Structures are given as C-alpha cells and as structure tokens.
Amino acid sequence: MAIYAYALIGLIVGILARVALPSTRLVGLWGSALLGAAGGIIGSLISSIFAPVEVTTRIHPLGIVLAVIVSALVSVGVIVFTRNKRFA
C-alpha cells in the first residue's frame, strides 16, 4: 500500500516541476505528473534495497526522500530535454 503513497508524492513533484518549468510543448501537465509518479515509484524501489521490508509495507523516510529526488530528476530531465531549443 505504501507504493501508492510514493506514487502520489511523485505525482505532486511532477506537477511542481511542470509549474516551475512551463516552457515545453511535448510534455503536458498530465505527462509531467505521470513522469513524477513513475519517478516516485522508482525511488521507492531503490530505497527498498536499503530497507526491504519497511518500504513496501509502510511509508519510510528514506523512501520519501528518494521518491522526491528521483521524481524531480525524471520530471525536470524530460522537461529540459524536450524543450524547444534554438540554434544560432
């Protein structure tokens, strides 16, 4: 059940990343939110390496931290790489 909480945390981080960097057209609001949710789930799975039982059964502080970091990296990375770039 905790995986849903991590996905919700990533969803919120993905929306905040979209609000902070709104200049892309290829990734919309829902795309950023889903990227954040995927990053939150990946972050929680990475944290399960360090605390295998704790992360999957209940919310663990390490899982929250890694979910926020990975979802922010995934969301901002995709937004930055899909931004329209001008070449001189």
PDB file of N, CA and C in Angstrom:
ATOM      1  N   MET A   1       0.809  -1.203   0.000  1.00  0.00           N
ATOM      2  CA  MET A   1       0.000   0.000   0.000  1.00  0.00           C
ATOM      3  C   MET A   1       0.847   1.260   0.000  1.00  0.00           C
ATOM      4  N   ALA A   2       2.054   1.168   0.472  1.00  0.00           N
ATOM      5  CA  ALA A   2       2.898   2.354   0.533  1.00  0.00           C
ATOM      6  C   ALA A   2       3.327   2.810  -0.852  1.00  0.00           C
ATOM      7  N   ILE A   3       3.302   1.914  -1.825  1.00  0.00           N
ATOM      8  CA  ILE A   3       3.719   2.287  -3.177  1.00  0.00           C
ATOM      9  C   ILE A   3       2.795   3.350  -3.750  1.00  0.00           C
ATOM     10  N   TYR A   4       1.528   3.324  -3.342  1.00  0.00           N
ATOM     11  CA  TYR A   4       0.588   4.352  -3.791  1.00  0.00           C
ATOM     12  C   TYR A   4       0.932   5.716  -3.200  1.00  0.00           C
ATOM     13  N   ALA A   5       1.392   5.724  -1.972  1.00  0.00           N
ATOM     14  CA  ALA A   5       1.805   6.976  -1.344  1.00  0.00           C
ATOM     15  C   ALA A   5       3.023   7.557  -2.050  1.00  0.00           C
ATOM     16  N   TYR A   6       3.962   6.688  -2.412  1.00  0.00           N
ATOM     17  CA  TYR A   6       5.138   7.167  -3.134  1.00  0.00           C
ATOM     18  C   TYR A   6       4.765   7.669  -4.528  1.00  0.00           C
ATOM     19  N   ALA A   7       3.816   7.017  -5.167  1.00  0.00           N
ATOM     20  CA  ALA A   7       3.351   7.483  -6.474  1.00  0.00           C
ATOM     21  C   ALA A   7       2.661   8.837  -6.339  1.00  0.00           C
ATOM     22  N   LEU A   8       1.904   9.036  -5.266  1.00  0.00           N
ATOM     23  CA  LEU A   8       1.245  10.324  -5.034  1.00  0.00           C
ATOM     24  C   LEU A   8       2.269  11.416  -4.767  1.00  0.00           C
ATOM     25  N   ILE A   9       3.306  11.099  -4.007  1.00  0.00           N
ATOM     26  CA  ILE A   9       4.378  12.068  -3.767  1.00  0.00           C
ATOM     27  C   ILE A   9       5.054  12.435  -5.081  1.00  0.00           C
ATOM     28  N   GLY A  10       5.348  11.453  -5.901  1.00  0.00           N
ATOM     29  CA  GLY A  10       5.958  11.718  -7.209  1.00  0.00           C
ATOM     30  C   GLY A  10       5.033  12.503  -8.118  1.00  0.00           C
ATOM     31  N   LEU A  11       3.742  12.236  -8.051  1.00  0.00           N
ATOM     32  CA  LEU A  11       2.755  12.974  -8.844  1.00  0.00           C
ATOM     33  C   LEU A  11       2.787  14.449  -8.489  1.00  0.00           C
ATOM     34  N   ILE A  12       2.838  14.751  -7.214  1.00  0.00           N
ATOM     35  CA  ILE A  12       2.895  16.146  -6.770  1.00  0.00           C
ATOM     36  C   ILE A  12       4.200  16.800  -7.200  1.00  0.00           C
ATOM     37  N   VAL A  13       5.301  16.090  -7.080  1.00  0.00           N
ATOM     38  CA  VAL A  13       6.593  16.638  -7.506  1.00  0.00           C
ATOM     39  C   VAL A  13       6.614  16.864  -9.015  1.00  0.00           C
ATOM     40  N   GLY A  14       6.019  15.967  -9.787  1.00  0.00           N
ATOM     41  CA  GLY A  14       5.949  16.150 -11.233  1.00  0.00           C
ATOM     42  C   GLY A  14       5.134  17.369 -11.618  1.00  0.00           C
ATOM     43  N   ILE A  15       4.029  17.616 -10.927  1.00  0.00           N
ATOM     44  CA  ILE A  15       3.222  18.813 -11.201  1.00  0.00           C
ATOM     45  C   ILE A  15       3.994  20.069 -10.816  1.00  0.00           C
ATOM     46  N   LEU A  16       4.696  20.033  -9.692  1.00  0.00           N
ATOM     47  CA  LEU A  16       5.504  21.193  -9.298  1.00  0.00           C
ATOM     48  C   LEU A  16       6.634  21.456 -10.292  1.00  0.00           C
ATOM     49  N   ALA A  17       7.219  20.402 -10.840  1.00  0.00           N
ATOM     50  CA  ALA A  17       8.258  20.579 -11.857  1.00  0.00           C
ATOM     51  C   ALA A  17       7.670  21.209 -13.112  1.00  0.00           C
ATOM     52  N   ARG A  18       6.460  20.834 -13.468  1.00  0.00           N
ATOM     53  CA  ARG A  18       5.802  21.415 -14.640  1.00  0.00           C
ATOM     54  C   ARG A  18       5.506  22.897 -14.422  1.00  0.00           C
ATOM     55  N   VAL A  19       5.086  23.242 -13.215  1.00  0.00           N
ATOM     56  CA  VAL A  19       4.793  24.640 -12.902  1.00  0.00           C
ATOM     57  C   VAL A  19       6.082  25.464 -12.894  1.00  0.00           C
ATOM     58  N   ALA A  20       7.172  24.884 -12.409  1.00  0.00           N
ATOM     59  CA  ALA A  20       8.439  25.607 -12.338  1.00  0.00           C
ATOM     60  C   ALA A  20       9.074  25.792 -13.710  1.00  0.00           C
ATOM     61  N   LEU A  21       8.889  24.839 -14.620  1.00  0.00           N
ATOM     62  CA  LEU A  21       9.494  24.900 -15.949  1.00  0.00           C
ATOM     63  C   LEU A  21       8.407  24.739 -17.017  1.00  0.00           C
ATOM     64  N   PRO A  22       7.585  25.759 -17.262  1.00  0.00           N
ATOM     65  CA  PRO A  22       6.425  25.575 -18.133  1.00  0.00           C
ATOM     66  C   PRO A  22       6.680  25.757 -19.628  1.00  0.00           C
ATOM     67  N   SER A  23       7.904  25.846 -20.073  1.00  0.00           N
ATOM     68  CA  SER A  23       8.149  26.223 -21.461  1.00  0.00           C
ATOM     69  C   SER A  23       8.336  25.041 -22.412  1.00  0.00           C
ATOM     70  N   THR A  24       7.699  23.944 -22.187  1.00  0.00           N
ATOM     71  CA  THR A  24       7.787  22.818 -23.102  1.00  0.00           C
ATOM     72  C   THR A  24       6.412  22.509 -23.676  1.00  0.00           C
ATOM     73  N   ARG A  25       6.371  22.008 -24.879  1.00  0.00           N
ATOM     74  CA  ARG A  25       5.104  21.679 -25.515  1.00  0.00           C
ATOM     75  C   ARG A  25       4.907  20.175 -25.662  1.00  0.00           C
ATOM     76  N   LEU A  26       5.968  19.422 -25.627  1.00  0.00           N
ATOM     77  CA  LEU A  26       5.863  17.990 -25.844  1.00  0.00           C
ATOM     78  C   LEU A  26       5.369  17.234 -24.615  1.00  0.00           C
ATOM     79  N   VAL A  27       5.645  17.758 -23.442  1.00  0.00           N
ATOM     80  CA  VAL A  27       5.218  17.118 -22.203  1.00  0.00           C
ATOM     81  C   VAL A  27       4.226  18.057 -21.532  1.00  0.00           C
ATOM     82  N   GLY A  28       2.987  17.622 -21.442  1.00  0.00           N
ATOM     83  CA  GLY A  28       1.954  18.442 -20.821  1.00  0.00           C
ATOM     84  C   GLY A  28       1.910  18.257 -19.315  1.00  0.00           C
ATOM     85  N   LEU A  29       0.861  18.776 -18.714  1.00  0.00           N
ATOM     86  CA  LEU A  29       0.699  18.683 -17.269  1.00  0.00           C
ATOM     87  C   LEU A  29       0.541  17.237 -16.819  1.00  0.00           C
ATOM     88  N   TRP A  30      -0.295  16.497 -17.509  1.00  0.00           N
ATOM     89  CA  TRP A  30      -0.508  15.091 -17.133  1.00  0.00           C
ATOM     90  C   TRP A  30       0.727  14.246 -17.419  1.00  0.00           C
ATOM     91  N   GLY A  31       1.446  14.564 -18.471  1.00  0.00           N
ATOM     92  CA  GLY A  31       2.683  13.839 -18.749  1.00  0.00           C
ATOM     93  C   GLY A  31       3.723  14.067 -17.666  1.00  0.00           C
ATOM     94  N   SER A  32       3.836  15.306 -17.222  1.00  0.00           N
ATOM     95  CA  SER A  32       4.773  15.610 -16.139  1.00  0.00           C
ATOM     96  C   SER A  32       4.355  14.927 -14.845  1.00  0.00           C
ATOM     97  N   ALA A  33       3.050  14.902 -14.597  1.00  0.00           N
ATOM     98  CA  ALA A  33       2.555  14.245 -13.384  1.00  0.00           C
ATOM     99  C   ALA A  33       2.838  12.747 -13.433  1.00  0.00           C
ATOM    100  N   LEU A  34       2.630  12.125 -14.580  1.00  0.00           N
ATOM    101  CA  LEU A  34       2.894  10.690 -14.698  1.00  0.00           C
ATOM    102  C   LEU A  34       4.385  10.379 -14.627  1.00  0.00           C
ATOM    103  N   LEU A  35       5.209  11.263 -15.194  1.00  0.00           N
ATOM    104  CA  LEU A  35       6.658  11.078 -15.058  1.00  0.00           C
ATOM    105  C   LEU A  35       7.076  11.179 -13.600  1.00  0.00           C
ATOM    106  N   GLY A  36       6.500  12.121 -12.874  1.00  0.00           N
ATOM    107  CA  GLY A  36       6.798  12.248 -11.456  1.00  0.00           C
ATOM    108  C   GLY A  36       6.357  11.029 -10.673  1.00  0.00           C
ATOM    109  N   ALA A  37       5.168  10.499 -10.987  1.00  0.00           N
ATOM    110  CA  ALA A  37       4.685   9.299 -10.304  1.00  0.00           C
ATOM    111  C   ALA A  37       5.593   8.112 -10.587  1.00  0.00           C
ATOM    112  N   ALA A  38       6.023   7.976 -11.828  1.00  0.00           N
ATOM    113  CA  ALA A  38       6.952   6.899 -12.168  1.00  0.00           C
ATOM    114  C   ALA A  38       8.275   7.075 -11.425  1.00  0.00           C
ATOM    115  N   GLY A  39       8.752   8.301 -11.336  1.00  0.00           N
ATOM    116  CA  GLY A  39       9.979   8.561 -10.582  1.00  0.00           C
ATOM    117  C   GLY A  39       9.823   8.266  -9.108  1.00  0.00           C
ATOM    118  N   GLY A  40       8.640   8.555  -8.549  1.00  0.00           N
ATOM    119  CA  GLY A  40       8.387   8.234  -7.147  1.00  0.00           C
ATOM    120  C   GLY A  40       8.403   6.743  -6.895  1.00  0.00           C
ATOM    121  N   ILE A  41       7.820   5.994  -7.811  1.00  0.00           N
ATOM    122  CA  ILE A  41       7.815   4.537  -7.659  1.00  0.00           C
ATOM    123  C   ILE A  41       9.229   3.980  -7.809  1.00  0.00           C
ATOM    124  N   ILE A  42       9.974   4.496  -8.765  1.00  0.00           N
ATOM    125  CA  ILE A  42      11.365   4.050  -8.950  1.00  0.00           C
ATOM    126  C   ILE A  42      12.200   4.393  -7.721  1.00  0.00           C
ATOM    127  N   GLY A  43      12.007   5.594  -7.172  1.00  0.00           N
ATOM    128  CA  GLY A  43      12.739   5.987  -5.971  1.00  0.00           C
ATOM    129  C   GLY A  43      12.422   5.106  -4.781  1.00  0.00           C
ATOM    130  N   SER A  44      11.156   4.735  -4.651  1.00  0.00           N
ATOM    131  CA  SER A  44      10.799   3.850  -3.535  1.00  0.00           C
ATOM    132  C   SER A  44      11.372   2.449  -3.738  1.00  0.00           C
ATOM    133  N   LEU A  45      11.423   1.992  -4.976  1.00  0.00           N
ATOM    134  CA  LEU A  45      12.016   0.684  -5.228  1.00  0.00           C
ATOM    135  C   LEU A  45      13.524   0.699  -4.979  1.00  0.00           C
ATOM    136  N   ILE A  46      14.171   1.818  -5.290  1.00  0.00           N
ATOM    137  CA  ILE A  46      15.600   1.938  -4.984  1.00  0.00           C
ATOM    138  C   ILE A  46      15.812   1.925  -3.475  1.00  0.00           C
ATOM    139  N   SER A  47      14.926   2.594  -2.730  1.00  0.00           N
ATOM    140  CA  SER A  47      15.081   2.619  -1.281  1.00  0.00           C
ATOM    141  C   SER A  47      14.781   1.262  -0.658  1.00  0.00           C
ATOM    142  N   SER A  48      14.063   0.405  -1.368  1.00  0.00           N
ATOM    143  CA  SER A  48      13.791  -0.933  -0.823  1.00  0.00           C
ATOM    144  C   SER A  48      15.041  -1.796  -0.776  1.00  0.00           C
ATOM    145  N   ILE A  49      16.080  -1.380  -1.475  1.00  0.00           N
ATOM    146  CA  ILE A  49      17.357  -2.088  -1.385  1.00  0.00           C
ATOM    147  C   ILE A  49      17.950  -1.927   0.011  1.00  0.00           C
ATOM    148  N   PHE A  50      17.772  -0.737   0.598  1.00  0.00           N
ATOM    149  CA  PHE A  50      18.355  -0.451   1.903  1.00  0.00           C
ATOM    150  C   PHE A  50      17.468  -0.896   3.060  1.00  0.00           C
ATOM    151  N   ALA A  51      16.156  -0.873   2.869  1.00  0.00           N
ATOM    152  CA  ALA A  51      15.225  -1.314   3.922  1.00  0.00           C
ATOM    153  C   ALA A  51      14.136  -2.144   3.257  1.00  0.00           C
ATOM    154  N   PRO A  52      14.394  -3.424   2.964  1.00  0.00           N
ATOM    155  CA  PRO A  52      13.494  -4.209   2.121  1.00  0.00           C
ATOM    156  C   PRO A  52      12.077  -4.371   2.657  1.00  0.00           C
ATOM    157  N   VAL A  53      11.904  -4.581   3.936  1.00  0.00           N
ATOM    158  CA  VAL A  53      10.565  -4.823   4.471  1.00  0.00           C
ATOM    159  C   VAL A  53       9.845  -3.516   4.758  1.00  0.00           C
ATOM    160  N   GLU A  54      10.566  -2.534   5.221  1.00  0.00           N
ATOM    161  CA  GLU A  54       9.962  -1.281   5.651  1.00  0.00           C
ATOM    162  C   GLU A  54       9.313  -0.504   4.509  1.00  0.00           C
ATOM    163  N   VAL A  55       9.922  -0.455   3.379  1.00  0.00           N
ATOM    164  CA  VAL A  55       9.466   0.422   2.310  1.00  0.00           C
ATOM    165  C   VAL A  55       8.192  -0.081   1.653  1.00  0.00           C
ATOM    166  N   THR A  56       8.076  -1.365   1.472  1.00  0.00           N
ATOM    167  CA  THR A  56       6.911  -1.881   0.751  1.00  0.00           C
ATOM    168  C   THR A  56       5.669  -2.001   1.620  1.00  0.00           C
ATOM    169  N   THR A  57       5.824  -2.093   2.940  1.00  0.00           N
ATOM    170  CA  THR A  57       4.659  -2.270   3.802  1.00  0.00           C
ATOM    171  C   THR A  57       4.160  -0.971   4.417  1.00  0.00           C
ATOM    172  N   ARG A  58       5.053  -0.037   4.686  1.00  0.00           N
ATOM    173  CA  ARG A  58       4.631   1.249   5.239  1.00  0.00           C
ATOM    174  C   ARG A  58       5.568   2.332   4.748  1.00  0.00           C
ATOM    175  N   ILE A  59       5.163   3.565   4.943  1.00  0.00           N
ATOM    176  CA  ILE A  59       5.944   4.694   4.439  1.00  0.00           C
ATOM    177  C   ILE A  59       7.192   4.861   5.314  1.00  0.00           C
ATOM    178  N   HIS A  60       8.325   4.941   4.653  1.00  0.00           N
ATOM    179  CA  HIS A  60       9.622   5.053   5.311  1.00  0.00           C
ATOM    180  C   HIS A  60      10.249   6.387   4.903  1.00  0.00           C
ATOM    181  N   PRO A  61      10.931   7.095   5.827  1.00  0.00           N
ATOM    182  CA  PRO A  61      11.531   8.389   5.463  1.00  0.00           C
ATOM    183  C   PRO A  61      12.524   8.307   4.304  1.00  0.00           C
ATOM    184  N   LEU A  62      13.301   7.251   4.242  1.00  0.00           N
ATOM    185  CA  LEU A  62      14.239   7.084   3.136  1.00  0.00           C
ATOM    186  C   LEU A  62      13.494   6.940   1.814  1.00  0.00           C
ATOM    187  N   GLY A  63      12.394   6.226   1.841  1.00  0.00           N
ATOM    188  CA  GLY A  63      11.589   6.083   0.629  1.00  0.00           C
ATOM    189  C   GLY A  63      11.014   7.399   0.163  1.00  0.00           C
ATOM    190  N   ILE A  64      10.587   8.229   1.109  1.00  0.00           N
ATOM    191  CA  ILE A  64      10.044   9.541   0.749  1.00  0.00           C
ATOM    192  C   ILE A  64      11.121  10.410   0.124  1.00  0.00           C
ATOM    193  N   VAL A  65      12.296  10.428   0.736  1.00  0.00           N
ATOM    194  CA  VAL A  65      13.392  11.255   0.221  1.00  0.00           C
ATOM    195  C   VAL A  65      13.795  10.807  -1.179  1.00  0.00           C
ATOM    196  N   LEU A  66      13.982   9.516  -1.371  1.00  0.00           N
ATOM    197  CA  LEU A  66      14.381   9.024  -2.692  1.00  0.00           C
ATOM    198  C   LEU A  66      13.260   9.176  -3.714  1.00  0.00           C
ATOM    199  N   ALA A  67      12.016   9.062  -3.300  1.00  0.00           N
ATOM    200  CA  ALA A  67      10.908   9.270  -4.225  1.00  0.00           C
ATOM    201  C   ALA A  67      10.882  10.710  -4.710  1.00  0.00           C
ATOM    202  N   VAL A  68      11.111  11.656  -3.812  1.00  0.00           N
ATOM    203  CA  VAL A  68      11.136  13.067  -4.201  1.00  0.00           C
ATOM    204  C   VAL A  68      12.317  13.358  -5.114  1.00  0.00           C
ATOM    205  N   ILE A  69      13.487  12.859  -4.774  1.00  0.00           N
ATOM    206  CA  ILE A  69      14.684  13.138  -5.570  1.00  0.00           C
ATOM    207  C   ILE A  69      14.576  12.525  -6.968  1.00  0.00           C
ATOM    208  N   VAL A  70      14.214  11.265  -7.052  1.00  0.00           N
ATOM    209  CA  VAL A  70      14.156  10.593  -8.358  1.00  0.00           C
ATOM    210  C   VAL A  70      13.030  11.165  -9.215  1.00  0.00           C
ATOM    211  N   SER A  71      11.879  11.457  -8.622  1.00  0.00           N
ATOM    212  CA  SER A  71      10.788  12.014  -9.426  1.00  0.00           C
ATOM    213  C   SER A  71      11.124  13.415  -9.918  1.00  0.00           C
ATOM    214  N   ALA A  72      11.825  14.205  -9.102  1.00  0.00           N
ATOM    215  CA  ALA A  72      12.253  15.521  -9.561  1.00  0.00           C
ATOM    216  C   ALA A  72      13.267  15.397 -10.689  1.00  0.00           C
ATOM    217  N   LEU A  73      14.211  14.483 -10.566  1.00  0.00           N
ATOM    218  CA  LEU A  73      15.202  14.291 -11.622  1.00  0.00           C
ATOM    219  C   LEU A  73      14.562  13.821 -12.927  1.00  0.00           C
ATOM    220  N   VAL A  74      13.631  12.890 -12.829  1.00  0.00           N
ATOM    221  CA  VAL A  74      12.969  12.378 -14.030  1.00  0.00           C
ATOM    222  C   VAL A  74      12.125  13.471 -14.682  1.00  0.00           C
ATOM    223  N   SER A  75      11.334  14.172 -13.888  1.00  0.00           N
ATOM    224  CA  SER A  75      10.442  15.193 -14.439  1.00  0.00           C
ATOM    225  C   SER A  75      11.217  16.351 -15.053  1.00  0.00           C
ATOM    226  N   VAL A  76      12.163  16.888 -14.307  1.00  0.00           N
ATOM    227  CA  VAL A  76      12.941  18.022 -14.808  1.00  0.00           C
ATOM    228  C   VAL A  76      13.808  17.596 -15.989  1.00  0.00           C
ATOM    229  N   GLY A  77      14.372  16.401 -15.933  1.00  0.00           N
ATOM    230  CA  GLY A  77      15.198  15.929 -17.041  1.00  0.00           C
ATOM    231  C   GLY A  77      14.426  15.814 -18.336  1.00  0.00           C
ATOM    232  N   VAL A  78      13.257  15.242 -18.296  1.00  0.00           N
ATOM    233  CA  VAL A  78      12.458  15.108 -19.512  1.00  0.00           C
ATOM    234  C   VAL A  78      11.972  16.470 -19.992  1.00  0.00           C
ATOM    235  N   ILE A  79      11.572  17.330 -19.072  1.00  0.00           N
ATOM    236  CA  ILE A  79      11.109  18.662 -19.466  1.00  0.00           C
ATOM    237  C   ILE A  79      12.235  19.452 -20.122  1.00  0.00           C
ATOM    238  N   VAL A  80      13.431  19.387 -19.563  1.00  0.00           N
ATOM    239  CA  VAL A  80      14.562  20.132 -20.126  1.00  0.00           C
ATOM    240  C   VAL A  80      14.969  19.562 -21.483  1.00  0.00           C
ATOM    241  N   PHE A  81      14.981  18.243 -21.629  1.00  0.00           N
ATOM    242  CA  PHE A  81      15.411  17.655 -22.889  1.00  0.00           C
ATOM    243  C   PHE A  81      14.376  17.767 -23.991  1.00  0.00           C
ATOM    244  N   THR A  82      13.115  17.971 -23.656  1.00  0.00           N
ATOM    245  CA  THR A  82      12.091  18.128 -24.695  1.00  0.00           C
ATOM    246  C   THR A  82      11.766  19.580 -24.989  1.00  0.00           C
ATOM    247  N   ARG A  83      12.450  20.493 -24.336  1.00  0.00           N
ATOM    248  CA  ARG A  83      12.231  21.907 -24.571  1.00  0.00           C
ATOM    249  C   ARG A  83      12.707  22.277 -25.976  1.00  0.00           C
ATOM    250  N   ASN A  84      11.991  23.171 -26.623  1.00  0.00           N
ATOM    251  CA  ASN A  84      12.406  23.630 -27.956  1.00  0.00           C
ATOM    252  C   ASN A  84      13.675  24.447 -27.819  1.00  0.00           C
ATOM    253  N   LYS A  85      14.701  24.051 -28.565  1.00  0.00           N
ATOM    254  CA  LYS A  85      15.991  24.742 -28.482  1.00  0.00           C
ATOM    255  C   LYS A  85      16.237  25.478 -29.788  1.00  0.00           C
ATOM    256  N   ARG A  86      16.757  26.674 -29.670  1.00  0.00           N
ATOM    257  CA  ARG A  86      17.103  27.464 -30.849  1.00  0.00           C
ATOM    258  C   ARG A  86      18.601  27.344 -31.099  1.00  0.00           C
ATOM    259  N   PHE A  87      18.920  27.131 -32.345  1.00  0.00           N
ATOM    260  CA  PHE A  87      20.331  27.048 -32.704  1.00  0.00           C
ATOM    261  C   PHE A  87      20.697  28.284 -33.503  1.00  0.00           C
ATOM    262  N   ALA A  88      21.818  28.905 -33.150  1.00  0.00           N
ATOM    263  CA  ALA A  88      22.217  30.151 -33.819  1.00  0.00           C
ATOM    264  C   ALA A  88      22.870  29.917 -35.131  1.00  0.00           C
TER     265      ALA A  88
END
